[in-house]
Amino acid sequence: MADDPRPAAAPEARTDEALMAAFASGERSAFAPLVSRHQRGVYNFLLRSVRNQSRAEELLQEVFLRVVRSKDRYQTSAKFTTWLYSIARNLAVDESRRAKFRNHKSLDAPRPGDDGANPPLVASLPAPQVATDDAADAPTLRKRLAQAVDALPEDQREVFVLRQMSGLSFREIADAVGVSENTVKSRMRYALEKLRAELGDLRDAGSVASPQESRTHV
Protein backbone atom coordinates (compact mmCIF):
# COMPACT_ATOMS: atom_id res chain seq x y z
CA MET A 1 0.00 0.00 0.00
CA ALA A 2 1.34 3.43 -0.91
CA ASP A 3 2.14 5.88 1.83
CA ASP A 4 -0.52 8.48 2.60
CA PRO A 5 0.69 11.62 0.78
CA ARG A 6 -1.11 13.90 3.20
CA PRO A 7 1.26 15.49 5.72
CA ALA A 8 0.64 14.67 9.36
CA ALA A 9 -0.85 17.47 11.40
CA ALA A 10 1.60 19.32 13.61
CA PRO A 11 1.46 18.11 17.23
CA GLU A 12 0.18 21.45 18.48
CA ALA A 13 -2.74 21.24 16.04
CA ARG A 14 -3.90 17.81 17.21
CA THR A 15 -6.24 17.04 20.07
CA ASP A 16 -5.04 15.28 23.19
CA GLU A 17 -6.89 12.18 22.12
CA ALA A 18 -5.27 12.18 18.69
CA LEU A 19 -1.83 12.65 20.21
CA MET A 20 -2.36 9.83 22.68
CA ALA A 21 -3.59 7.53 19.93
CA ALA A 22 -0.55 8.40 17.85
CA PHE A 23 1.76 7.76 20.79
CA ALA A 24 0.12 4.40 21.43
CA SER A 25 0.68 3.56 17.76
CA GLY A 26 4.40 4.19 18.03
CA GLU A 27 4.76 7.91 17.32
CA ARG A 28 7.07 8.72 20.21
CA SER A 29 7.19 12.44 19.43
CA ALA A 30 3.46 12.72 20.20
CA PHE A 31 4.09 12.30 23.92
CA ALA A 32 6.02 15.53 24.53
CA PRO A 33 3.11 17.86 23.58
CA LEU A 34 0.85 16.01 26.03
CA VAL A 35 3.32 16.53 28.84
CA SER A 36 3.77 20.19 27.90
CA ARG A 37 0.03 20.83 27.87
CA HIS A 38 -0.83 19.14 31.14
CA GLN A 39 2.18 18.96 33.45
CA ARG A 40 1.49 22.27 35.19
CA GLY A 41 -2.19 21.55 35.82
CA VAL A 42 -1.47 18.05 37.11
CA TYR A 43 1.36 19.33 39.29
CA ASN A 44 -0.87 22.03 40.81
CA PHE A 45 -3.50 19.42 41.61
CA LEU A 46 -0.95 17.06 43.17
CA LEU A 47 0.68 19.82 45.17
CA ARG A 48 -2.56 20.96 46.74
CA SER A 49 -3.45 17.30 47.38
CA VAL A 50 -0.24 16.10 49.05
CA ARG A 51 1.00 19.53 50.28
CA ASN A 52 4.62 18.70 49.71
CA GLN A 53 6.54 20.13 46.78
CA SER A 54 9.14 17.41 46.33
CA ARG A 55 6.55 14.65 46.70
CA ALA A 56 4.25 16.37 44.20
CA GLU A 57 7.11 16.48 41.71
CA GLU A 58 7.77 12.76 42.21
CA LEU A 59 4.10 11.93 41.76
CA LEU A 60 3.98 14.06 38.61
CA GLN A 61 6.70 11.88 37.11
CA GLU A 62 4.79 8.79 38.19
CA VAL A 63 1.60 10.04 36.53
CA PHE A 64 3.23 10.36 33.14
CA LEU A 65 5.16 7.12 33.63
CA ARG A 66 1.83 5.38 34.12
CA VAL A 67 0.50 7.06 30.98
CA VAL A 68 3.42 5.54 29.08
CA ARG A 69 2.93 2.12 30.62
CA SER A 70 -0.81 2.18 29.97
CA LYS A 71 -0.73 3.58 26.45
CA ASP A 72 -1.92 0.33 24.89
CA ARG A 73 -4.98 0.31 27.15
CA TYR A 74 -6.06 3.86 26.39
CA GLN A 75 -9.41 4.02 24.62
CA THR A 76 -9.66 6.85 22.12
CA SER A 77 -13.32 7.24 23.01
CA ALA A 78 -12.28 8.43 26.47
CA LYS A 79 -11.35 12.06 27.03
CA PHE A 80 -7.63 12.22 27.72
CA THR A 81 -7.85 14.79 30.51
CA THR A 82 -10.37 12.65 32.39
CA TRP A 83 -8.12 9.62 32.09
CA LEU A 84 -5.01 11.58 33.05
CA TYR A 85 -6.53 13.19 36.13
CA SER A 86 -8.03 9.89 37.23
CA ILE A 87 -4.49 8.53 37.34
CA ALA A 88 -3.28 11.61 39.24
CA ARG A 89 -6.17 11.45 41.70
CA ASN A 90 -5.62 7.76 42.44
CA LEU A 91 -1.96 8.44 43.17
CA ALA A 92 -2.85 11.38 45.41
CA VAL A 93 -5.39 9.31 47.34
CA ASP A 94 -2.86 6.51 47.81
CA GLU A 95 -0.25 9.00 48.99
CA SER A 96 -2.66 10.50 51.52
CA ARG A 97 -3.46 7.06 52.90
CA ARG A 98 0.22 6.23 53.25
CA ALA A 99 0.87 9.55 54.97
CA LYS A 100 -1.89 8.86 57.50
CA PHE A 101 -0.59 5.36 58.08
CA ARG A 102 2.86 6.73 58.78
CA ASN A 103 1.25 9.29 61.09
CA HIS A 104 3.13 12.14 59.50
CA LYS A 105 2.27 15.58 60.76
CA SER A 106 0.24 17.58 58.30
CA LEU A 107 1.92 20.55 56.69
CA ASP A 108 -1.07 22.65 57.67
CA ALA A 109 -0.59 21.96 61.38
CA PRO A 110 0.86 24.73 63.56
CA ARG A 111 4.64 24.78 63.80
CA PRO A 112 6.16 23.29 66.96
CA GLY A 113 6.09 25.81 69.77
CA ASP A 114 3.60 28.04 68.00
CA ASP A 115 0.69 29.57 69.85
CA GLY A 116 -1.36 29.59 66.65
CA ALA A 117 -0.27 33.06 65.61
CA ASN A 118 2.13 31.90 62.89
CA PRO A 119 0.93 30.62 59.51
CA PRO A 120 1.01 26.89 58.74
CA LEU A 121 3.99 25.36 56.99
CA VAL A 122 2.09 24.99 53.73
CA ALA A 123 1.95 28.76 53.42
CA SER A 124 5.74 28.90 53.14
CA LEU A 125 6.06 26.45 50.26
CA PRO A 126 7.53 28.20 47.18
CA ALA A 127 4.94 26.72 44.87
CA PRO A 128 2.54 28.00 42.21
CA GLN A 129 -0.61 29.34 43.83
CA VAL A 130 -4.21 29.65 42.68
CA ALA A 131 -4.18 32.11 39.78
CA THR A 132 -7.83 33.00 39.21
CA ASP A 133 -7.38 36.72 38.50
CA ASP A 134 -4.69 39.30 37.90
CA ALA A 135 -5.06 40.30 41.56
CA ALA A 136 -3.61 36.92 42.55
CA ASP A 137 -0.20 38.18 41.44
CA ALA A 138 0.20 39.95 44.77
CA PRO A 139 2.25 37.74 47.15
CA THR A 140 0.10 38.55 50.16
CA LEU A 141 -3.07 37.68 48.30
CA ARG A 142 -1.57 34.46 46.97
CA LYS A 143 -0.65 33.45 50.51
CA ARG A 144 -4.10 34.23 51.88
CA LEU A 145 -5.81 32.39 49.05
CA ALA A 146 -3.54 29.35 49.37
CA GLN A 147 -4.26 29.10 53.08
CA ALA A 148 -7.99 29.43 52.49
CA VAL A 149 -7.95 26.74 49.80
CA ASP A 150 -5.97 24.38 52.04
CA ALA A 151 -8.55 24.87 54.79
CA LEU A 152 -11.41 23.64 52.57
CA PRO A 153 -12.86 20.16 53.15
CA GLU A 154 -10.99 17.65 51.02
CA ASP A 155 -13.79 17.00 48.54
CA GLN A 156 -14.40 20.72 48.00
CA ARG A 157 -10.71 21.52 47.72
CA GLU A 158 -10.29 18.78 45.12
CA VAL A 159 -13.05 20.18 42.92
CA PHE A 160 -11.85 23.77 43.33
CA VAL A 161 -8.27 22.90 42.37
CA LEU A 162 -9.32 20.79 39.38
CA ARG A 163 -11.58 23.59 38.17
CA GLN A 164 -9.61 26.75 38.92
CA MET A 165 -6.01 25.55 38.77
CA SER A 166 -6.13 22.66 36.34
CA GLY A 167 -8.86 24.02 34.06
CA LEU A 168 -11.11 20.96 33.88
CA SER A 169 -14.78 21.29 33.04
CA PHE A 170 -17.41 20.17 35.54
CA ARG A 171 -18.11 17.14 33.36
CA GLU A 172 -14.44 16.18 33.28
CA ILE A 173 -14.14 16.57 37.04
CA ALA A 174 -17.23 14.43 37.59
CA ASP A 175 -15.79 11.67 35.41
CA ALA A 176 -12.38 11.84 37.10
CA VAL A 177 -13.75 11.92 40.64
CA GLY A 178 -16.55 9.43 40.05
CA VAL A 179 -19.52 11.51 41.14
CA SER A 180 -22.36 13.26 39.35
CA GLU A 181 -21.86 16.61 37.64
CA ASN A 182 -24.44 18.16 39.98
CA THR A 183 -22.42 16.95 42.97
CA VAL A 184 -19.30 18.56 41.51
CA LYS A 185 -21.13 21.86 41.01
CA SER A 186 -22.48 21.69 44.54
CA ARG A 187 -19.01 21.13 45.98
CA MET A 188 -17.68 24.00 43.93
CA ARG A 189 -20.46 26.28 45.16
CA TYR A 190 -19.75 25.42 48.79
CA ALA A 191 -16.02 25.92 48.24
CA LEU A 192 -16.59 29.36 46.75
CA GLU A 193 -18.91 30.32 49.59
CA LYS A 194 -16.29 29.34 52.17
CA LEU A 195 -13.55 31.18 50.28
CA ARG A 196 -15.64 34.33 49.98
CA ALA A 197 -16.38 34.22 53.69
CA GLU A 198 -12.71 33.72 54.51
CA LEU A 199 -11.49 36.35 52.04
CA GLY A 200 -14.36 38.80 52.35
CA ASP A 201 -12.01 41.71 52.96
CA LEU A 202 -10.35 40.98 49.61
CA ARG A 203 -13.55 40.72 47.58
CA ASP A 204 -13.01 44.04 45.89
CA ALA A 205 -9.70 42.66 44.56
CA GLY A 206 -11.64 39.94 42.75
CA SER A 207 -9.55 37.10 44.14
CA VAL A 208 -12.27 34.47 44.00
CA ALA A 209 -14.19 33.86 40.79
CA SER A 210 -17.59 32.28 40.49
CA PRO A 211 -18.09 29.23 38.22
CA GLN A 212 -19.53 31.55 35.57
CA GLU A 213 -16.61 33.95 35.93
CA SER A 214 -13.99 31.22 35.76
CA ARG A 215 -11.73 31.28 32.75
CA THR A 216 -12.12 27.53 32.34
CA HIS A 217 -14.85 26.02 30.18
CA VAL A 218 -17.89 24.12 31.34
C-alpha atoms as a PDB file:
ATOM      1  CA  MET A   1       0.000   0.000   0.000  1.00  0.00           C
ATOM      2  CA  ALA A   2       1.339   3.426  -0.908  1.00  0.00           C
ATOM      3  CA  ASP A   3       2.143   5.877   1.825  1.00  0.00           C
ATOM      4  CA  ASP A   4      -0.517   8.479   2.603  1.00  0.00           C
ATOM      5  CA  PRO A   5       0.686  11.619   0.784  1.00  0.00           C
ATOM      6  CA  ARG A   6      -1.105  13.902   3.202  1.00  0.00           C
ATOM      7  CA  PRO A   7       1.260  15.492   5.718  1.00  0.00           C
ATOM      8  CA  ALA A   8       0.637  14.667   9.355  1.00  0.00           C
ATOM      9  CA  ALA A   9      -0.850  17.466  11.396  1.00  0.00           C
ATOM     10  CA  ALA A  10       1.605  19.323  13.607  1.00  0.00           C
ATOM     11  CA  PRO A  11       1.461  18.112  17.230  1.00  0.00           C
ATOM     12  CA  GLU A  12       0.181  21.445  18.484  1.00  0.00           C
ATOM     13  CA  ALA A  13      -2.738  21.239  16.037  1.00  0.00           C
ATOM     14  CA  ARG A  14      -3.903  17.813  17.213  1.00  0.00           C
ATOM     15  CA  THR A  15      -6.243  17.040  20.074  1.00  0.00           C
ATOM     16  CA  ASP A  16      -5.041  15.279  23.187  1.00  0.00           C
ATOM     17  CA  GLU A  17      -6.892  12.177  22.117  1.00  0.00           C
ATOM     18  CA  ALA A  18      -5.266  12.178  18.687  1.00  0.00           C
ATOM     19  CA  LEU A  19      -1.827  12.650  20.214  1.00  0.00           C
ATOM     20  CA  MET A  20      -2.357   9.828  22.679  1.00  0.00           C
ATOM     21  CA  ALA A  21      -3.587   7.526  19.927  1.00  0.00           C
ATOM     22  CA  ALA A  22      -0.549   8.401  17.845  1.00  0.00           C
ATOM     23  CA  PHE A  23       1.763   7.762  20.785  1.00  0.00           C
ATOM     24  CA  ALA A  24       0.120   4.398  21.428  1.00  0.00           C
ATOM     25  CA  SER A  25       0.675   3.565  17.762  1.00  0.00           C
ATOM     26  CA  GLY A  26       4.400   4.195  18.026  1.00  0.00           C
ATOM     27  CA  GLU A  27       4.764   7.915  17.318  1.00  0.00           C
ATOM     28  CA  ARG A  28       7.072   8.718  20.209  1.00  0.00           C
ATOM     29  CA  SER A  29       7.191  12.442  19.430  1.00  0.00           C
ATOM     30  CA  ALA A  30       3.458  12.723  20.204  1.00  0.00           C
ATOM     31  CA  PHE A  31       4.094  12.300  23.922  1.00  0.00           C
ATOM     32  CA  ALA A  32       6.018  15.531  24.530  1.00  0.00           C
ATOM     33  CA  PRO A  33       3.108  17.857  23.584  1.00  0.00           C
ATOM     34  CA  LEU A  34       0.848  16.007  26.031  1.00  0.00           C
ATOM     35  CA  VAL A  35       3.322  16.535  28.840  1.00  0.00           C
ATOM     36  CA  SER A  36       3.773  20.186  27.896  1.00  0.00           C
ATOM     37  CA  ARG A  37       0.034  20.826  27.873  1.00  0.00           C
ATOM     38  CA  HIS A  38      -0.831  19.141  31.142  1.00  0.00           C
ATOM     39  CA  GLN A  39       2.178  18.960  33.452  1.00  0.00           C
ATOM     40  CA  ARG A  40       1.491  22.266  35.190  1.00  0.00           C
ATOM     41  CA  GLY A  41      -2.186  21.546  35.822  1.00  0.00           C
ATOM     42  CA  VAL A  42      -1.467  18.045  37.107  1.00  0.00           C
ATOM     43  CA  TYR A  43       1.355  19.334  39.295  1.00  0.00           C
ATOM     44  CA  ASN A  44      -0.869  22.028  40.806  1.00  0.00           C
ATOM     45  CA  PHE A  45      -3.499  19.415  41.612  1.00  0.00           C
ATOM     46  CA  LEU A  46      -0.947  17.059  43.169  1.00  0.00           C
ATOM     47  CA  LEU A  47       0.680  19.825  45.174  1.00  0.00           C
ATOM     48  CA  ARG A  48      -2.562  20.960  46.744  1.00  0.00           C
ATOM     49  CA  SER A  49      -3.448  17.304  47.380  1.00  0.00           C
ATOM     50  CA  VAL A  50      -0.240  16.104  49.054  1.00  0.00           C
ATOM     51  CA  ARG A  51       0.998  19.528  50.281  1.00  0.00           C
ATOM     52  CA  ASN A  52       4.622  18.700  49.711  1.00  0.00           C
ATOM     53  CA  GLN A  53       6.535  20.130  46.775  1.00  0.00           C
ATOM     54  CA  SER A  54       9.140  17.406  46.332  1.00  0.00           C
ATOM     55  CA  ARG A  55       6.549  14.646  46.695  1.00  0.00           C
ATOM     56  CA  ALA A  56       4.253  16.368  44.201  1.00  0.00           C
ATOM     57  CA  GLU A  57       7.112  16.477  41.706  1.00  0.00           C
ATOM     58  CA  GLU A  58       7.767  12.763  42.212  1.00  0.00           C
ATOM     59  CA  LEU A  59       4.100  11.935  41.764  1.00  0.00           C
ATOM     60  CA  LEU A  60       3.980  14.057  38.615  1.00  0.00           C
ATOM     61  CA  GLN A  61       6.698  11.883  37.109  1.00  0.00           C
ATOM     62  CA  GLU A  62       4.793   8.789  38.195  1.00  0.00           C
ATOM     63  CA  VAL A  63       1.596  10.035  36.531  1.00  0.00           C
ATOM     64  CA  PHE A  64       3.234  10.360  33.140  1.00  0.00           C
ATOM     65  CA  LEU A  65       5.156   7.124  33.627  1.00  0.00           C
ATOM     66  CA  ARG A  66       1.829   5.380  34.116  1.00  0.00           C
ATOM     67  CA  VAL A  67       0.502   7.061  30.982  1.00  0.00           C
ATOM     68  CA  VAL A  68       3.423   5.538  29.077  1.00  0.00           C
ATOM     69  CA  ARG A  69       2.926   2.116  30.623  1.00  0.00           C
ATOM     70  CA  SER A  70      -0.815   2.179  29.967  1.00  0.00           C
ATOM     71  CA  LYS A  71      -0.728   3.583  26.450  1.00  0.00           C
ATOM     72  CA  ASP A  72      -1.921   0.333  24.893  1.00  0.00           C
ATOM     73  CA  ARG A  73      -4.980   0.311  27.150  1.00  0.00           C
ATOM     74  CA  TYR A  74      -6.061   3.860  26.389  1.00  0.00           C
ATOM     75  CA  GLN A  75      -9.410   4.020  24.622  1.00  0.00           C
ATOM     76  CA  THR A  76      -9.665   6.852  22.118  1.00  0.00           C
ATOM     77  CA  SER A  77     -13.323   7.238  23.012  1.00  0.00           C
ATOM     78  CA  ALA A  78     -12.276   8.425  26.470  1.00  0.00           C
ATOM     79  CA  LYS A  79     -11.347  12.056  27.034  1.00  0.00           C
ATOM     80  CA  PHE A  80      -7.627  12.223  27.715  1.00  0.00           C
ATOM     81  CA  THR A  81      -7.854  14.791  30.508  1.00  0.00           C
ATOM     82  CA  THR A  82     -10.370  12.653  32.394  1.00  0.00           C
ATOM     83  CA  TRP A  83      -8.116   9.615  32.090  1.00  0.00           C
ATOM     84  CA  LEU A  84      -5.007  11.583  33.048  1.00  0.00           C
ATOM     85  CA  TYR A  85      -6.534  13.187  36.130  1.00  0.00           C
ATOM     86  CA  SER A  86      -8.034   9.891  37.226  1.00  0.00           C
ATOM     87  CA  ILE A  87      -4.488   8.534  37.339  1.00  0.00           C
ATOM     88  CA  ALA A  88      -3.284  11.607  39.242  1.00  0.00           C
ATOM     89  CA  ARG A  89      -6.166  11.453  41.704  1.00  0.00           C
ATOM     90  CA  ASN A  90      -5.615   7.760  42.441  1.00  0.00           C
ATOM     91  CA  LEU A  91      -1.960   8.436  43.170  1.00  0.00           C
ATOM     92  CA  ALA A  92      -2.847  11.385  45.406  1.00  0.00           C
ATOM     93  CA  VAL A  93      -5.386   9.309  47.341  1.00  0.00           C
ATOM     94  CA  ASP A  94      -2.861   6.506  47.814  1.00  0.00           C
ATOM     95  CA  GLU A  95      -0.254   9.000  48.989  1.00  0.00           C
ATOM     96  CA  SER A  96      -2.660  10.500  51.523  1.00  0.00           C
ATOM     97  CA  ARG A  97      -3.461   7.064  52.900  1.00  0.00           C
ATOM     98  CA  ARG A  98       0.224   6.230  53.246  1.00  0.00           C
ATOM     99  CA  ALA A  99       0.869   9.545  54.973  1.00  0.00           C
ATOM    100  CA  LYS A 100      -1.892   8.865  57.496  1.00  0.00           C
ATOM    101  CA  PHE A 101      -0.592   5.360  58.083  1.00  0.00           C
ATOM    102  CA  ARG A 102       2.864   6.732  58.780  1.00  0.00           C
ATOM    103  CA  ASN A 103       1.250   9.288  61.086  1.00  0.00           C
ATOM    104  CA  HIS A 104       3.128  12.137  59.499  1.00  0.00           C
ATOM    105  CA  LYS A 105       2.273  15.581  60.755  1.00  0.00           C
ATOM    106  CA  SER A 106       0.244  17.576  58.304  1.00  0.00           C
ATOM    107  CA  LEU A 107       1.916  20.555  56.688  1.00  0.00           C
ATOM    108  CA  ASP A 108      -1.072  22.649  57.672  1.00  0.00           C
ATOM    109  CA  ALA A 109      -0.586  21.959  61.376  1.00  0.00           C
ATOM    110  CA  PRO A 110       0.860  24.727  63.562  1.00  0.00           C
ATOM    111  CA  ARG A 111       4.636  24.784  63.797  1.00  0.00           C
ATOM    112  CA  PRO A 112       6.162  23.294  66.962  1.00  0.00           C
ATOM    113  CA  GLY A 113       6.085  25.806  69.772  1.00  0.00           C
ATOM    114  CA  ASP A 114       3.596  28.043  67.997  1.00  0.00           C
ATOM    115  CA  ASP A 115       0.693  29.566  69.848  1.00  0.00           C
ATOM    116  CA  GLY A 116      -1.358  29.586  66.647  1.00  0.00           C
ATOM    117  CA  ALA A 117      -0.269  33.056  65.607  1.00  0.00           C
ATOM    118  CA  ASN A 118       2.129  31.898  62.894  1.00  0.00           C
ATOM    119  CA  PRO A 119       0.930  30.620  59.513  1.00  0.00           C
ATOM    120  CA  PRO A 120       1.012  26.889  58.740  1.00  0.00           C
ATOM    121  CA  LEU A 121       3.994  25.361  56.988  1.00  0.00           C
ATOM    122  CA  VAL A 122       2.090  24.986  53.733  1.00  0.00           C
ATOM    123  CA  ALA A 123       1.953  28.759  53.424  1.00  0.00           C
ATOM    124  CA  SER A 124       5.744  28.902  53.141  1.00  0.00           C
ATOM    125  CA  LEU A 125       6.056  26.448  50.256  1.00  0.00           C
ATOM    126  CA  PRO A 126       7.527  28.199  47.185  1.00  0.00           C
ATOM    127  CA  ALA A 127       4.936  26.716  44.867  1.00  0.00           C
ATOM    128  CA  PRO A 128       2.536  28.002  42.209  1.00  0.00           C
ATOM    129  CA  GLN A 129      -0.607  29.339  43.832  1.00  0.00           C
ATOM    130  CA  VAL A 130      -4.206  29.652  42.681  1.00  0.00           C
ATOM    131  CA  ALA A 131      -4.177  32.112  39.783  1.00  0.00           C
ATOM    132  CA  THR A 132      -7.829  33.000  39.209  1.00  0.00           C
ATOM    133  CA  ASP A 133      -7.375  36.719  38.504  1.00  0.00           C
ATOM    134  CA  ASP A 134      -4.693  39.303  37.905  1.00  0.00           C
ATOM    135  CA  ALA A 135      -5.064  40.302  41.563  1.00  0.00           C
ATOM    136  CA  ALA A 136      -3.605  36.923  42.548  1.00  0.00           C
ATOM    137  CA  ASP A 137      -0.198  38.181  41.438  1.00  0.00           C
ATOM    138  CA  ALA A 138       0.198  39.950  44.770  1.00  0.00           C
ATOM    139  CA  PRO A 139       2.249  37.744  47.146  1.00  0.00           C
ATOM    140  CA  THR A 140       0.101  38.546  50.164  1.00  0.00           C
ATOM    141  CA  LEU A 141      -3.073  37.679  48.296  1.00  0.00           C
ATOM    142  CA  ARG A 142      -1.570  34.458  46.971  1.00  0.00           C
ATOM    143  CA  LYS A 143      -0.653  33.447  50.510  1.00  0.00           C
ATOM    144  CA  ARG A 144      -4.095  34.232  51.882  1.00  0.00           C
ATOM    145  CA  LEU A 145      -5.809  32.390  49.055  1.00  0.00           C
ATOM    146  CA  ALA A 146      -3.545  29.352  49.368  1.00  0.00           C
ATOM    147  CA  GLN A 147      -4.263  29.099  53.077  1.00  0.00           C
ATOM    148  CA  ALA A 148      -7.992  29.429  52.485  1.00  0.00           C
ATOM    149  CA  VAL A 149      -7.948  26.736  49.799  1.00  0.00           C
ATOM    150  CA  ASP A 150      -5.970  24.383  52.042  1.00  0.00           C
ATOM    151  CA  ALA A 151      -8.554  24.872  54.786  1.00  0.00           C
ATOM    152  CA  LEU A 152     -11.411  23.641  52.568  1.00  0.00           C
ATOM    153  CA  PRO A 153     -12.859  20.163  53.151  1.00  0.00           C
ATOM    154  CA  GLU A 154     -10.989  17.646  51.022  1.00  0.00           C
ATOM    155  CA  ASP A 155     -13.794  16.998  48.538  1.00  0.00           C
ATOM    156  CA  GLN A 156     -14.401  20.724  47.999  1.00  0.00           C
ATOM    157  CA  ARG A 157     -10.707  21.518  47.715  1.00  0.00           C
ATOM    158  CA  GLU A 158     -10.292  18.781  45.123  1.00  0.00           C
ATOM    159  CA  VAL A 159     -13.047  20.185  42.923  1.00  0.00           C
ATOM    160  CA  PHE A 160     -11.853  23.774  43.330  1.00  0.00           C
ATOM    161  CA  VAL A 161      -8.273  22.897  42.367  1.00  0.00           C
ATOM    162  CA  LEU A 162      -9.315  20.793  39.382  1.00  0.00           C
ATOM    163  CA  ARG A 163     -11.580  23.592  38.167  1.00  0.00           C
ATOM    164  CA  GLN A 164      -9.608  26.751  38.917  1.00  0.00           C
ATOM    165  CA  MET A 165      -6.011  25.553  38.767  1.00  0.00           C
ATOM    166  CA  SER A 166      -6.133  22.655  36.338  1.00  0.00           C
ATOM    167  CA  GLY A 167      -8.862  24.018  34.060  1.00  0.00           C
ATOM    168  CA  LEU A 168     -11.111  20.964  33.885  1.00  0.00           C
ATOM    169  CA  SER A 169     -14.784  21.286  33.045  1.00  0.00           C
ATOM    170  CA  PHE A 170     -17.412  20.172  35.536  1.00  0.00           C
ATOM    171  CA  ARG A 171     -18.113  17.143  33.361  1.00  0.00           C
ATOM    172  CA  GLU A 172     -14.436  16.181  33.283  1.00  0.00           C
ATOM    173  CA  ILE A 173     -14.144  16.574  37.042  1.00  0.00           C
ATOM    174  CA  ALA A 174     -17.233  14.431  37.587  1.00  0.00           C
ATOM    175  CA  ASP A 175     -15.791  11.671  35.411  1.00  0.00           C
ATOM    176  CA  ALA A 176     -12.380  11.840  37.097  1.00  0.00           C
ATOM    177  CA  VAL A 177     -13.746  11.921  40.642  1.00  0.00           C
ATOM    178  CA  GLY A 178     -16.550   9.430  40.047  1.00  0.00           C
ATOM    179  CA  VAL A 179     -19.525  11.506  41.145  1.00  0.00           C
ATOM    180  CA  SER A 180     -22.359  13.265  39.345  1.00  0.00           C
ATOM    181  CA  GLU A 181     -21.860  16.610  37.639  1.00  0.00           C
ATOM    182  CA  ASN A 182     -24.437  18.158  39.982  1.00  0.00           C
ATOM    183  CA  THR A 183     -22.424  16.945  42.965  1.00  0.00           C
ATOM    184  CA  VAL A 184     -19.297  18.555  41.514  1.00  0.00           C
ATOM    185  CA  LYS A 185     -21.130  21.857  41.006  1.00  0.00           C
ATOM    186  CA  SER A 186     -22.484  21.687  44.535  1.00  0.00           C
ATOM    187  CA  ARG A 187     -19.012  21.126  45.985  1.00  0.00           C
ATOM    188  CA  MET A 188     -17.682  24.003  43.928  1.00  0.00           C
ATOM    189  CA  ARG A 189     -20.455  26.281  45.164  1.00  0.00           C
ATOM    190  CA  TYR A 190     -19.751  25.424  48.794  1.00  0.00           C
ATOM    191  CA  ALA A 191     -16.020  25.922  48.238  1.00  0.00           C
ATOM    192  CA  LEU A 192     -16.589  29.363  46.753  1.00  0.00           C
ATOM    193  CA  GLU A 193     -18.912  30.323  49.592  1.00  0.00           C
ATOM    194  CA  LYS A 194     -16.290  29.344  52.165  1.00  0.00           C
ATOM    195  CA  LEU A 195     -13.547  31.182  50.278  1.00  0.00           C
ATOM    196  CA  ARG A 196     -15.645  34.327  49.979  1.00  0.00           C
ATOM    197  CA  ALA A 197     -16.383  34.217  53.695  1.00  0.00           C
ATOM    198  CA  GLU A 198     -12.709  33.719  54.511  1.00  0.00           C
ATOM    199  CA  LEU A 199     -11.486  36.352  52.040  1.00  0.00           C
ATOM    200  CA  GLY A 200     -14.357  38.803  52.354  1.00  0.00           C
ATOM    201  CA  ASP A 201     -12.008  41.707  52.965  1.00  0.00           C
ATOM    202  CA  LEU A 202     -10.353  40.980  49.607  1.00  0.00           C
ATOM    203  CA  ARG A 203     -13.549  40.717  47.583  1.00  0.00           C
ATOM    204  CA  ASP A 204     -13.006  44.042  45.894  1.00  0.00           C
ATOM    205  CA  ALA A 205      -9.703  42.664  44.561  1.00  0.00           C
ATOM    206  CA  GLY A 206     -11.636  39.942  42.746  1.00  0.00           C
ATOM    207  CA  SER A 207      -9.553  37.103  44.144  1.00  0.00           C
ATOM    208  CA  VAL A 208     -12.271  34.472  43.998  1.00  0.00           C
ATOM    209  CA  ALA A 209     -14.186  33.862  40.789  1.00  0.00           C
ATOM    210  CA  SER A 210     -17.595  32.281  40.486  1.00  0.00           C
ATOM    211  CA  PRO A 211     -18.090  29.234  38.222  1.00  0.00           C
ATOM    212  CA  GLN A 212     -19.530  31.550  35.573  1.00  0.00           C
ATOM    213  CA  GLU A 213     -16.610  33.954  35.932  1.00  0.00           C
ATOM    214  CA  SER A 214     -13.988  31.223  35.762  1.00  0.00           C
ATOM    215  CA  ARG A 215     -11.727  31.278  32.751  1.00  0.00           C
ATOM    216  CA  THR A 216     -12.121  27.530  32.337  1.00  0.00           C
ATOM    217  CA  HIS A 217     -14.847  26.018  30.176  1.00  0.00           C
ATOM    218  CA  VAL A 218     -17.893  24.119  31.341  1.00  0.00           C
END
